[in-house]
N, C-alpha and C. Protein backbone atom coordinates (compact mmCIF):
# COMPACT_ATOMS: atom_id res chain seq x y z
N MET A 1 -3.73 -19.59 0.91
CA MET A 1 -4.35 -18.61 0.66
C MET A 1 -3.06 -17.28 -0.03
N LEU A 2 -3.24 -17.34 -1.45
CA LEU A 2 -2.40 -16.52 -1.91
C LEU A 2 -2.72 -15.25 -1.81
N MET A 3 -1.43 -14.60 -1.04
CA MET A 3 -1.40 -13.45 -0.45
C MET A 3 -1.26 -12.21 -1.43
N ARG A 4 -1.24 -12.66 -2.82
CA ARG A 4 -0.92 -11.30 -3.52
C ARG A 4 -2.09 -10.26 -3.83
N ASP A 5 -3.41 -10.54 -3.47
CA ASP A 5 -4.07 -9.85 -3.16
C ASP A 5 -3.89 -8.54 -2.19
N TYR A 6 -3.24 -8.98 -1.51
CA TYR A 6 -2.95 -7.84 -0.07
C TYR A 6 -1.67 -7.20 -0.29
N LEU A 7 -0.87 -7.53 -1.88
CA LEU A 7 0.29 -6.76 -1.70
C LEU A 7 1.41 -7.52 -1.50
N SER A 8 1.60 -8.63 -1.22
CA SER A 8 2.31 -9.60 -0.80
C SER A 8 2.57 -10.33 -1.56
N ASP A 9 3.58 -11.33 -1.60
CA ASP A 9 3.66 -12.19 -2.60
C ASP A 9 4.01 -13.74 -1.54
N GLY A 10 3.26 -14.13 -0.66
CA GLY A 10 3.56 -15.10 -0.07
C GLY A 10 2.14 -16.23 0.13
N THR A 11 2.23 -17.23 0.54
CA THR A 11 1.04 -18.34 0.45
C THR A 11 1.10 -18.64 2.08
N PHE A 12 -0.22 -19.00 2.97
CA PHE A 12 -0.03 -19.49 4.19
C PHE A 12 -1.02 -20.28 4.14
N SER A 13 -0.62 -21.18 5.31
CA SER A 13 -1.30 -22.25 5.31
C SER A 13 -2.36 -21.60 6.15
N PRO A 14 -4.08 -21.87 6.05
CA PRO A 14 -4.97 -21.24 7.03
C PRO A 14 -5.28 -22.10 8.15
N ILE A 15 -4.80 -23.23 8.09
CA ILE A 15 -4.69 -24.39 9.56
C ILE A 15 -3.85 -23.80 10.70
N ILE A 16 -4.07 -23.42 11.90
CA ILE A 16 -3.22 -22.81 12.68
C ILE A 16 -4.12 -23.62 14.36
N VAL A 17 -3.51 -24.51 14.82
CA VAL A 17 -3.90 -24.97 16.27
C VAL A 17 -4.93 -25.83 16.02
N GLY A 18 -4.62 -26.56 14.93
CA GLY A 18 -5.92 -27.20 14.78
C GLY A 18 -7.17 -27.15 14.27
N ARG A 19 -6.87 -25.93 13.89
CA ARG A 19 -8.25 -24.82 13.10
C ARG A 19 -7.65 -24.49 11.92
N GLU A 20 -9.14 -24.90 10.81
CA GLU A 20 -9.03 -24.11 9.71
C GLU A 20 -9.78 -22.75 9.52
N LEU A 21 -9.30 -21.66 9.35
CA LEU A 21 -9.72 -20.39 9.27
C LEU A 21 -10.01 -19.91 7.90
N THR A 22 -11.03 -19.45 7.50
CA THR A 22 -11.28 -18.70 6.53
C THR A 22 -11.19 -17.21 6.88
N LEU A 23 -9.69 -16.57 5.82
CA LEU A 23 -9.68 -14.95 5.79
C LEU A 23 -10.43 -14.42 4.83
N VAL A 24 -10.77 -13.12 5.29
CA VAL A 24 -11.28 -12.48 4.22
C VAL A 24 -10.42 -10.73 4.73
N PHE A 25 -10.31 -10.35 3.35
CA PHE A 25 -10.03 -8.92 3.15
C PHE A 25 -11.19 -7.65 3.36
N GLU A 26 -11.35 -7.10 4.21
CA GLU A 26 -12.23 -6.20 4.44
C GLU A 26 -11.89 -4.81 5.07
N ALA A 27 -12.24 -3.74 4.14
CA ALA A 27 -11.65 -2.59 4.92
C ALA A 27 -10.31 -2.33 5.33
N GLY A 28 -9.86 -2.62 4.48
CA GLY A 28 -8.24 -2.97 4.59
C GLY A 28 -7.36 -3.60 5.97
N TRP A 29 -8.45 -4.67 6.23
CA TRP A 29 -7.73 -5.61 7.18
C TRP A 29 -8.20 -7.13 6.72
N ILE A 30 -7.28 -7.80 7.35
CA ILE A 30 -7.33 -9.24 7.07
C ILE A 30 -8.00 -9.68 8.25
N GLN A 31 -9.05 -10.48 8.49
CA GLN A 31 -9.91 -10.79 9.45
C GLN A 31 -9.93 -12.27 9.18
N ASP A 32 -10.27 -13.38 10.52
CA ASP A 32 -10.91 -14.51 10.06
C ASP A 32 -12.23 -14.54 10.18
N GLN A 33 -13.12 -15.39 9.85
CA GLN A 33 -14.53 -15.36 9.90
C GLN A 33 -14.57 -16.37 11.21
N GLU A 34 -14.08 -16.79 11.73
CA GLU A 34 -14.37 -17.76 12.82
C GLU A 34 -14.14 -17.40 14.03
N THR A 35 -12.99 -16.49 14.37
CA THR A 35 -12.86 -15.85 15.50
C THR A 35 -12.69 -14.24 15.84
N SER A 36 -12.81 -13.90 14.22
CA SER A 36 -12.66 -12.42 14.11
C SER A 36 -11.74 -11.48 14.70
N SER A 37 -10.77 -12.33 14.81
CA SER A 37 -9.08 -12.00 14.83
C SER A 37 -8.63 -11.10 13.56
N THR A 38 -7.68 -10.04 13.81
CA THR A 38 -7.25 -9.19 12.56
C THR A 38 -5.92 -10.07 12.70
N TRP A 39 -5.60 -9.88 11.17
CA TRP A 39 -4.28 -10.30 10.93
C TRP A 39 -3.46 -9.42 10.23
N ASN A 40 -1.77 -9.47 10.15
CA ASN A 40 -1.19 -8.24 9.75
C ASN A 40 -0.69 -8.86 8.00
N LEU A 41 0.11 -8.11 7.36
CA LEU A 41 0.30 -9.02 5.96
C LEU A 41 1.50 -10.11 6.11
N ALA A 42 2.03 -10.19 7.56
CA ALA A 42 2.95 -11.04 7.73
C ALA A 42 2.11 -12.45 8.32
N GLU A 43 0.90 -12.11 8.44
CA GLU A 43 0.47 -13.14 8.75
C GLU A 43 0.70 -13.53 10.15
N GLN A 44 0.65 -12.75 11.24
CA GLN A 44 0.51 -12.68 12.74
C GLN A 44 -0.90 -12.25 12.95
N ALA A 45 -1.27 -12.74 13.95
CA ALA A 45 -2.67 -12.36 14.38
C ALA A 45 -2.32 -10.98 15.26
N ILE A 46 -2.84 -9.82 15.11
CA ILE A 46 -2.82 -8.39 16.02
C ILE A 46 -3.47 -8.31 16.66
N GLU A 47 -4.95 -8.97 16.88
CA GLU A 47 -5.99 -8.37 17.74
C GLU A 47 -6.95 -9.95 18.01
N GLY A 48 -7.65 -10.05 18.68
CA GLY A 48 -8.47 -11.20 19.03
C GLY A 48 -8.22 -11.91 19.81
N GLU A 49 -9.30 -13.20 19.69
CA GLU A 49 -8.43 -14.48 20.21
C GLU A 49 -7.26 -15.15 20.06
N MET A 50 -7.11 -15.09 18.66
CA MET A 50 -5.74 -15.66 17.73
C MET A 50 -4.34 -14.69 17.93
N ALA A 51 -4.50 -13.53 18.76
CA ALA A 51 -3.25 -12.64 19.01
C ALA A 51 -2.30 -13.32 19.58
N GLY A 52 -1.05 -13.14 18.59
CA GLY A 52 0.22 -13.53 18.75
C GLY A 52 0.28 -14.69 18.23
N ASP A 53 -0.95 -15.46 17.39
CA ASP A 53 -0.41 -16.67 16.58
C ASP A 53 0.06 -16.28 15.40
N GLN A 54 0.88 -17.22 14.41
CA GLN A 54 1.31 -16.86 13.43
C GLN A 54 1.14 -18.14 12.56
N LEU A 55 0.45 -17.49 10.75
CA LEU A 55 0.21 -18.72 10.19
C LEU A 55 1.43 -18.84 9.67
N LYS A 56 1.30 -20.56 9.24
CA LYS A 56 2.69 -21.44 8.47
C LYS A 56 3.18 -20.75 7.04
N PHE A 57 4.29 -20.24 6.74
CA PHE A 57 4.22 -19.89 5.44
C PHE A 57 4.40 -20.95 4.62
N LEU A 58 4.01 -21.36 3.70
CA LEU A 58 4.09 -22.14 2.79
C LEU A 58 5.14 -21.92 1.52
N PRO A 59 6.23 -22.57 0.83
CA PRO A 59 6.97 -22.09 0.03
C PRO A 59 6.42 -22.10 -1.23
N VAL A 60 6.39 -21.11 -2.04
CA VAL A 60 5.61 -21.36 -3.37
C VAL A 60 6.51 -20.49 -4.46
N ARG A 61 6.46 -20.64 -5.79
CA ARG A 61 7.14 -19.56 -6.85
C ARG A 61 6.18 -19.38 -7.72
N SER A 62 6.32 -17.68 -7.75
CA SER A 62 5.36 -17.07 -8.57
C SER A 62 5.84 -17.17 -9.87
N THR A 63 5.09 -17.24 -11.14
CA THR A 63 5.64 -17.43 -12.48
C THR A 63 4.56 -17.04 -13.08
N HIS A 64 4.95 -16.96 -15.19
CA HIS A 64 3.83 -16.20 -15.15
C HIS A 64 3.43 -17.99 -16.27
N TRP A 65 1.96 -17.73 -16.82
CA TRP A 65 1.53 -18.92 -17.36
C TRP A 65 2.40 -19.37 -18.76
N PHE A 66 2.83 -18.58 -19.37
CA PHE A 66 3.35 -18.63 -20.40
C PHE A 66 5.03 -19.49 -20.06
N ALA A 67 5.31 -18.60 -19.29
CA ALA A 67 6.60 -19.55 -18.59
C ALA A 67 6.64 -21.05 -18.32
N LEU A 68 5.75 -20.72 -17.46
CA LEU A 68 5.36 -22.44 -16.89
C LEU A 68 4.92 -23.53 -17.75
N VAL A 69 4.17 -23.11 -18.49
CA VAL A 69 3.68 -23.89 -19.76
C VAL A 69 4.82 -24.38 -21.04
N ALA A 70 5.69 -23.41 -21.07
CA ALA A 70 6.72 -23.39 -21.71
C ALA A 70 7.88 -24.35 -21.57
N ASN A 71 7.97 -24.55 -20.27
CA ASN A 71 8.80 -25.53 -19.42
C ASN A 71 8.66 -26.61 -19.03
N PHE A 72 7.13 -26.57 -18.62
CA PHE A 72 6.71 -27.87 -18.40
C PHE A 72 5.01 -28.11 -19.27
N PRO A 73 5.52 -28.75 -20.41
CA PRO A 73 4.26 -28.64 -21.48
C PRO A 73 3.48 -29.87 -21.02
N ASP A 74 3.61 -30.76 -20.44
CA ASP A 74 2.64 -31.48 -20.03
C ASP A 74 2.25 -31.21 -18.75
N ILE A 75 2.06 -30.35 -18.11
CA ILE A 75 1.61 -29.78 -16.83
C ILE A 75 0.20 -30.08 -16.28
N GLU A 76 -0.22 -30.59 -15.37
CA GLU A 76 -1.70 -30.79 -14.98
C GLU A 76 -2.23 -29.75 -14.38
N VAL A 77 -3.34 -29.14 -14.53
CA VAL A 77 -3.88 -28.26 -13.55
C VAL A 77 -5.17 -28.59 -13.27
N TYR A 78 -4.94 -28.44 -11.85
CA TYR A 78 -6.19 -28.46 -11.01
C TYR A 78 -6.78 -27.42 -10.40
N GLU A 79 -7.78 -27.38 -10.29
CA GLU A 79 -9.11 -26.38 -9.64
C GLU A 79 -9.55 -26.71 -8.14
N PHE A 80 -9.56 -26.00 -7.41
CA PHE A 80 -9.63 -26.26 -6.25
C PHE A 80 -11.16 -25.25 -5.67
N GLY A 81 -12.10 -25.97 -5.26
CA GLY A 81 -13.35 -25.32 -4.85
C GLY A 81 -13.11 -24.18 -3.82
N TYR A 82 -13.73 -22.99 -3.89
CA TYR A 82 -13.41 -22.25 -2.90
C TYR A 82 -14.72 -21.35 -2.31
């Protein structure tokens, strides 16, 4: 999940303790649809069944498309369904 929508610049795996979570941003909070736990911007559950659990940070690099394609002209782009 790209956290840019939440004023952060990190990507986290939605899989924790063998469960894949669907995270949504509603009313100023991040919640997962499976347990209704509330998550903070550091992707730590602060309320609910998952309280105290932390999603794994995934290394990413933010860039602009023009810079990426200029440096890697043969890049292949894949789309994942959400």
